Amino acid sequence: MRCPPLFELPPAPFDKFGWLWTEESPQLPNTMPCGSPWPLISIVTPSFNQGQFLEETIRSVLLQGYPNIEYIIIDGGSSDNSTEIIKKYEPWLTYWISEPDKGQAHAINKGLSHATGKVFGWLNSDDYFHRSALRSLIELRQNNPGSIAWVGACQDIDIYGRPLRWRSPRVGNKKQFGNWSRDAWIAQPSCLFDAKAFFDVGKIDEQLDFVLDVDLWMRLAEYGNFASKNKIISYERMYSKTKTRKNIPMQQAEHILINFKLGQPEVAQKRMAECMTFALDAWPFRKLLRYFIKRSISWIWQCFRRLCKL
């Protein structure tokens, strides 16, 4: 599907102006400057009770002016106005469903199982793309043959859409991504990645709730190179109700888990020391320990089952 022009979409509310409401990205020609067709991009939006933000997310995808896109929305059975918004844009969606799921990672995997593109990405339902974001990342892909992921900068915004800080990507290898935020960091909504590589590395780990993107970046970085540019691609919303803001200790516990799982015990031990110090000060330590043991047992059981199949 080609991204529709602005006039084809439902009109913006009377009090909304600017990008994604009354402004659009330029419509791209059917072929790239080299004469090749633009690669098919598959974007998935996982969502649950995010009706206050969801329309912005949807419009930012549909108004990219990109000539070859499929857009998939996986809603977890929302009880707010999310399904009404989705139905409003249904003619331009490749697929959507609203039903209970097992969380964000499961929703993304479920959405990408319906995708047929060469390039994948996901955009959470409280974030949105910058104008011409997809064109920018595909041009980066063309200029970096052999790369398997492409990432740009991110503008953090608050719950009302007001700008906070600008964040530039710092790409790296598996080891550097493992030492997240210190040696490497990228904004998830500002990244697209190769579809074949995604399936080859095993998709998203559905046991993870907080660092599912970091885990994927580590596995993809072992598979191939990331290319980056310091140009804004997305707007990521930062507010108190986001799950990572509400539960920093659990986020750190998952970082420790993936460091152990992906062969970085020294990084895991360092994080564990930091996390335990923080947890003793700010969070019930027993709850953190119980969570970590539960996840570790689940991971060991999965490894045992894989070995039994060999």
Protein backbone atom coordinates (compact mmCIF):
# COMPACT_ATOMS: atom_id res chain seq x y z
CA MET A 1 0.00 0.00 0.00
CA ARG A 2 1.06 3.57 -0.67
CA CYS A 3 0.74 6.01 2.24
CA PRO A 4 -2.39 8.09 1.60
CA PRO A 5 -2.26 11.88 1.13
CA LEU A 6 -3.58 14.08 3.91
CA PHE A 7 -6.88 14.88 2.20
CA GLU A 8 -7.87 11.18 2.13
CA LEU A 9 -7.60 10.74 5.90
CA PRO A 10 -10.25 11.75 8.46
CA PRO A 11 -9.98 15.49 9.16
CA ALA A 12 -8.01 16.70 12.15
CA PRO A 13 -9.89 17.97 15.22
CA PHE A 14 -10.49 21.73 15.10
CA ASP A 15 -7.83 22.39 17.76
CA LYS A 16 -5.03 20.31 16.17
CA PHE A 17 -2.48 21.82 13.78
CA GLY A 18 0.94 21.09 12.28
CA TRP A 19 2.68 17.82 11.49
CA LEU A 20 0.42 14.75 11.31
CA TRP A 21 -2.75 16.82 11.73
CA THR A 22 -2.72 19.48 9.02
CA GLU A 23 0.72 18.79 7.50
CA GLU A 24 2.10 15.71 5.76
CA SER A 25 5.35 14.31 4.39
CA PRO A 26 5.94 14.79 0.65
CA GLN A 27 4.66 11.91 -1.47
CA LEU A 28 7.62 9.90 -2.76
CA PRO A 29 7.86 8.64 -6.36
CA ASN A 30 7.32 4.92 -6.97
CA THR A 31 11.05 4.28 -7.35
CA MET A 32 14.19 5.44 -5.58
CA PRO A 33 16.69 7.73 -7.36
CA CYS A 34 18.65 4.60 -8.41
CA GLY A 35 15.56 3.29 -10.21
CA SER A 36 14.85 0.43 -7.79
CA PRO A 37 11.49 0.19 -6.05
CA TRP A 38 11.29 1.31 -2.44
CA PRO A 39 11.50 -1.78 -0.19
CA LEU A 40 8.31 -2.86 1.53
CA ILE A 41 8.29 -1.68 5.16
CA SER A 42 6.14 -3.42 7.76
CA ILE A 43 5.32 -1.37 10.88
CA VAL A 44 3.52 -2.84 13.89
CA THR A 45 1.89 -0.79 16.65
CA PRO A 46 1.21 -2.74 19.86
CA SER A 47 -1.40 -0.96 21.96
CA PHE A 48 -3.46 -1.30 25.11
CA ASN A 49 -5.71 1.47 26.49
CA GLN A 50 -3.69 4.22 24.80
CA GLY A 51 -6.60 5.97 23.11
CA GLN A 52 -5.39 9.40 24.20
CA PHE A 53 -2.25 9.01 22.06
CA LEU A 54 -3.11 6.36 19.46
CA GLU A 55 -4.45 8.62 16.72
CA GLU A 56 -1.20 10.61 16.63
CA THR A 57 0.76 7.37 16.27
CA ILE A 58 -1.43 6.11 13.43
CA ARG A 59 -1.40 9.37 11.49
CA SER A 60 2.38 9.70 11.81
CA VAL A 61 2.75 6.34 10.02
CA LEU A 62 0.11 6.91 7.37
CA LEU A 63 1.35 10.42 6.49
CA GLN A 64 4.93 9.35 5.69
CA GLY A 65 4.34 9.67 1.94
CA TYR A 66 6.08 6.31 1.55
CA PRO A 67 5.01 4.29 -1.52
CA ASN A 68 5.34 0.73 -0.20
CA ILE A 69 4.15 0.10 3.35
CA GLU A 70 2.02 -2.25 5.40
CA TYR A 71 0.74 -1.09 8.76
CA ILE A 72 -0.46 -3.52 11.43
CA ILE A 73 -2.07 -2.70 14.78
CA ILE A 74 -2.30 -5.28 17.57
CA ASP A 75 -4.55 -4.06 20.37
CA GLY A 76 -4.65 -6.03 23.61
CA GLY A 77 -8.40 -5.76 24.10
CA SER A 78 -8.58 -2.13 25.18
CA SER A 79 -11.54 -0.88 27.21
CA ASP A 80 -11.11 2.78 26.22
CA ASN A 81 -11.78 4.39 22.81
CA SER A 82 -8.83 2.66 21.07
CA THR A 83 -10.91 0.38 18.84
CA GLU A 84 -13.05 3.32 17.71
CA ILE A 85 -9.89 5.14 16.62
CA ILE A 86 -8.51 2.05 14.88
CA LYS A 87 -11.75 1.51 12.96
CA LYS A 88 -11.61 5.15 11.87
CA TYR A 89 -8.37 4.37 10.00
CA GLU A 90 -9.19 0.77 9.07
CA PRO A 91 -9.20 1.39 5.25
CA TRP A 92 -5.47 2.13 5.39
CA LEU A 93 -4.46 -0.74 7.68
CA THR A 94 -3.08 -4.04 6.41
CA TYR A 95 -4.30 -5.91 9.48
CA TRP A 96 -5.58 -5.18 12.97
CA ILE A 97 -7.07 -7.08 15.87
CA SER A 98 -8.26 -6.31 19.37
CA GLU A 99 -8.06 -9.22 21.78
CA PRO A 100 -6.27 -10.07 25.03
CA ASP A 101 -2.60 -10.92 24.56
CA LYS A 102 0.42 -11.75 26.68
CA GLY A 103 1.96 -8.28 26.64
CA GLN A 104 3.97 -6.01 24.40
CA ALA A 105 6.53 -8.56 23.17
CA HIS A 106 3.81 -11.06 22.28
CA ALA A 107 1.82 -8.35 20.48
CA ILE A 108 4.82 -7.29 18.37
CA ASN A 109 5.69 -10.88 17.43
CA LYS A 110 2.04 -11.54 16.59
CA GLY A 111 1.91 -8.44 14.40
CA LEU A 112 5.16 -9.22 12.58
CA SER A 113 3.95 -12.77 11.92
CA HIS A 114 1.43 -11.12 9.55
CA ALA A 115 4.11 -8.95 7.93
CA THR A 116 5.61 -9.55 4.50
CA GLY A 117 8.05 -6.63 4.27
CA LYS A 118 11.81 -6.72 3.81
CA VAL A 119 12.20 -4.10 6.55
CA PHE A 120 10.51 -4.26 9.96
CA GLY A 121 9.89 -1.85 12.79
CA TRP A 122 7.45 -1.21 15.61
CA LEU A 123 6.05 2.04 16.92
CA ASN A 124 4.46 2.05 20.35
CA SER A 125 1.06 3.66 20.69
CA ASP A 126 2.27 6.64 22.72
CA ASP A 127 5.13 7.54 20.33
CA TYR A 128 5.07 8.91 16.78
CA PHE A 129 7.28 9.35 13.73
CA HIS A 130 8.84 12.57 12.48
CA ARG A 131 7.87 13.64 8.95
CA SER A 132 9.71 11.66 6.22
CA ALA A 133 11.20 9.36 8.89
CA LEU A 134 10.84 6.20 6.81
CA ARG A 135 12.43 7.79 3.77
CA SER A 136 15.36 8.91 5.91
CA LEU A 137 16.02 5.43 7.28
CA ILE A 138 15.66 3.71 3.90
CA GLU A 139 18.16 6.17 2.40
CA LEU A 140 20.50 5.25 5.28
CA ARG A 141 19.96 1.59 4.36
CA GLN A 142 20.84 2.27 0.72
CA ASN A 143 24.01 4.10 1.72
CA ASN A 144 25.16 1.29 4.01
CA PRO A 145 24.96 -1.98 2.05
CA GLY A 146 25.39 -5.00 4.28
CA SER A 147 23.93 -3.33 7.36
CA ILE A 148 20.95 -5.02 9.04
CA ALA A 149 19.51 -2.19 11.19
CA TRP A 150 19.15 1.55 10.65
CA VAL A 151 18.62 4.12 13.38
CA GLY A 152 18.34 7.86 13.83
CA ALA A 153 17.96 10.38 16.64
CA CYS A 154 14.98 10.77 18.94
CA GLN A 155 13.19 13.75 20.45
CA ASP A 156 11.80 13.01 23.91
CA ILE A 157 8.47 14.66 24.65
CA ASP A 158 6.27 14.90 27.72
CA ILE A 159 2.70 13.66 28.08
CA TYR A 160 1.42 16.82 26.36
CA GLY A 161 3.85 16.58 23.45
CA ARG A 162 6.18 19.32 24.67
CA PRO A 163 9.87 18.77 23.80
CA LEU A 164 12.24 17.54 26.49
CA ARG A 165 15.68 16.35 25.36
CA TRP A 166 17.17 15.35 22.03
CA ARG A 167 19.00 12.01 22.05
CA SER A 168 21.57 10.93 19.45
CA PRO A 169 22.14 7.23 18.72
CA ARG A 170 25.31 5.44 19.81
CA VAL A 171 25.41 2.14 17.96
CA GLY A 172 27.79 -0.67 18.77
CA ASN A 173 28.50 -4.37 18.77
CA LYS A 174 26.82 -6.99 20.96
CA LYS A 175 29.16 -6.33 23.88
CA GLN A 176 28.56 -2.59 23.73
CA PHE A 177 24.78 -2.98 23.52
CA GLY A 178 25.02 -5.29 26.52
CA ASN A 179 26.50 -2.44 28.53
CA TRP A 180 23.38 -0.46 27.68
CA SER A 181 23.36 3.34 28.03
CA ARG A 182 27.05 3.36 28.89
CA ASP A 183 28.71 2.04 25.73
CA ALA A 184 25.75 2.04 23.32
CA TRP A 185 22.21 3.35 23.20
CA ILE A 186 19.50 3.79 20.58
CA ALA A 187 15.86 4.88 20.69
CA GLN A 188 13.60 1.96 19.79
CA PRO A 189 11.03 3.98 17.75
CA SER A 190 13.87 5.46 15.68
CA CYS A 191 15.05 2.06 14.43
CA LEU A 192 14.14 -0.19 11.50
CA PHE A 193 15.73 -3.61 10.98
CA ASP A 194 16.05 -6.37 8.40
CA ALA A 195 13.13 -8.82 8.36
CA LYS A 196 15.22 -11.91 7.61
CA ALA A 197 17.67 -11.04 10.38
CA PHE A 198 14.76 -10.64 12.81
CA PHE A 199 13.51 -14.16 12.19
CA ASP A 200 17.01 -15.63 12.04
CA VAL A 201 17.90 -14.36 15.54
CA GLY A 202 14.68 -15.70 17.01
CA LYS A 203 12.26 -12.75 17.08
CA ILE A 204 11.46 -10.91 20.35
CA ASP A 205 11.82 -12.73 23.66
CA GLU A 206 8.27 -12.83 25.01
CA GLN A 207 9.49 -13.42 28.56
CA LEU A 208 10.75 -9.83 28.68
CA ASP A 209 8.60 -6.88 29.65
CA PHE A 210 11.09 -4.01 29.94
CA VAL A 211 14.25 -4.60 27.87
CA LEU A 212 12.85 -6.58 24.96
CA ASP A 213 14.36 -4.07 22.55
CA VAL A 214 17.85 -4.19 24.11
CA ASP A 215 17.79 -8.00 23.98
CA LEU A 216 16.88 -7.83 20.28
CA TRP A 217 19.58 -5.24 19.51
CA MET A 218 22.21 -7.44 21.18
CA ARG A 219 21.24 -10.46 19.08
CA LEU A 220 20.98 -8.42 15.88
CA ALA A 221 24.38 -6.79 16.53
CA GLU A 222 25.90 -10.27 16.62
CA TYR A 223 24.24 -10.95 13.24
CA GLY A 224 25.30 -7.73 11.44
CA ASN A 225 26.06 -4.02 11.64
CA PHE A 226 23.86 -1.10 12.67
CA ALA A 227 24.03 2.12 10.63
CA SER A 228 23.09 5.43 12.21
CA LYS A 229 22.49 9.08 11.43
CA ASN A 230 22.01 12.05 13.72
CA LYS A 231 18.67 13.10 12.27
CA ILE A 232 15.40 13.04 14.18
CA ILE A 233 13.25 10.02 13.32
CA SER A 234 10.76 9.73 16.17
CA TYR A 235 9.19 11.38 19.19
CA GLU A 236 9.23 9.20 22.31
CA ARG A 237 6.84 10.11 25.10
CA MET A 238 8.27 10.25 28.63
CA TYR A 239 5.82 10.40 31.52
CA SER A 240 5.31 8.81 34.92
CA LYS A 241 2.89 6.08 33.78
CA THR A 242 5.25 4.45 31.27
CA LYS A 243 6.19 0.99 32.53
CA THR A 244 9.93 1.68 32.56
CA ARG A 245 9.44 4.83 34.64
CA LYS A 246 7.15 3.01 37.09
CA ASN A 247 9.42 0.02 37.65
CA ILE A 248 13.11 0.82 37.29
CA PRO A 249 14.28 -2.08 39.53
CA MET A 250 12.42 -4.62 37.40
CA GLN A 251 13.96 -3.09 34.30
CA GLN A 252 17.41 -3.52 35.82
CA ALA A 253 16.60 -7.11 36.78
CA GLU A 254 15.83 -7.89 33.14
CA HIS A 255 19.08 -6.23 32.06
CA ILE A 256 20.91 -8.62 34.41
CA LEU A 257 18.97 -11.57 33.01
CA ILE A 258 19.80 -10.84 29.36
CA ASN A 259 23.47 -10.15 30.19
CA PHE A 260 23.70 -13.64 31.72
CA LYS A 261 21.63 -15.21 28.95
CA LEU A 262 23.70 -13.70 26.14
CA GLY A 263 27.11 -14.46 27.61
CA GLN A 264 28.08 -11.32 29.52
CA PRO A 265 28.40 -12.44 33.17
CA GLU A 266 30.85 -9.66 34.06
CA VAL A 267 28.38 -6.97 32.97
CA ALA A 268 25.56 -8.81 34.76
CA GLN A 269 27.54 -8.95 38.01
CA LYS A 270 28.30 -5.24 37.85
CA ARG A 271 24.66 -4.41 37.19
CA MET A 272 23.57 -6.74 39.97
CA ALA A 273 25.75 -4.95 42.51
CA GLU A 274 24.33 -1.58 41.42
CA CYS A 275 20.78 -2.92 41.34
CA MET A 276 20.97 -4.51 44.80
CA THR A 277 22.24 -1.27 46.29
CA PHE A 278 19.37 0.62 44.71
CA ALA A 279 16.80 -2.05 45.60
CA LEU A 280 17.75 -2.10 49.27
CA ASP A 281 17.23 1.65 49.36
CA ALA A 282 14.15 2.01 47.21
CA TRP A 283 12.32 -1.29 46.66
CA PRO A 284 11.55 -4.52 48.57
CA PHE A 285 14.59 -6.68 47.94
CA ARG A 286 12.71 -9.96 48.35
CA LYS A 287 10.36 -9.07 45.49
CA LEU A 288 13.28 -8.31 43.18
CA LEU A 289 15.06 -11.54 44.12
CA ARG A 290 11.89 -13.60 43.62
CA TYR A 291 11.41 -12.09 40.16
CA PHE A 292 15.02 -12.76 39.15
CA ILE A 293 14.91 -16.40 40.34
CA LYS A 294 11.62 -17.00 38.54
CA ARG A 295 12.98 -15.63 35.24
CA SER A 296 16.24 -17.58 35.61
CA ILE A 297 14.40 -20.87 36.20
CA SER A 298 12.21 -20.21 33.16
CA TRP A 299 15.26 -19.55 31.00
CA ILE A 300 17.06 -22.68 32.27
CA TRP A 301 13.94 -24.75 31.56
CA GLN A 302 13.80 -23.42 27.99
CA CYS A 303 17.47 -24.33 27.46
CA PHE A 304 16.81 -27.83 28.82
CA ARG A 305 13.86 -28.31 26.45
CA ARG A 306 15.96 -27.20 23.47
CA LEU A 307 18.71 -29.67 24.43
CA CYS A 308 16.17 -32.48 24.70
CA LYS A 309 15.08 -31.81 21.13
CA LEU A 310 18.61 -32.15 19.78
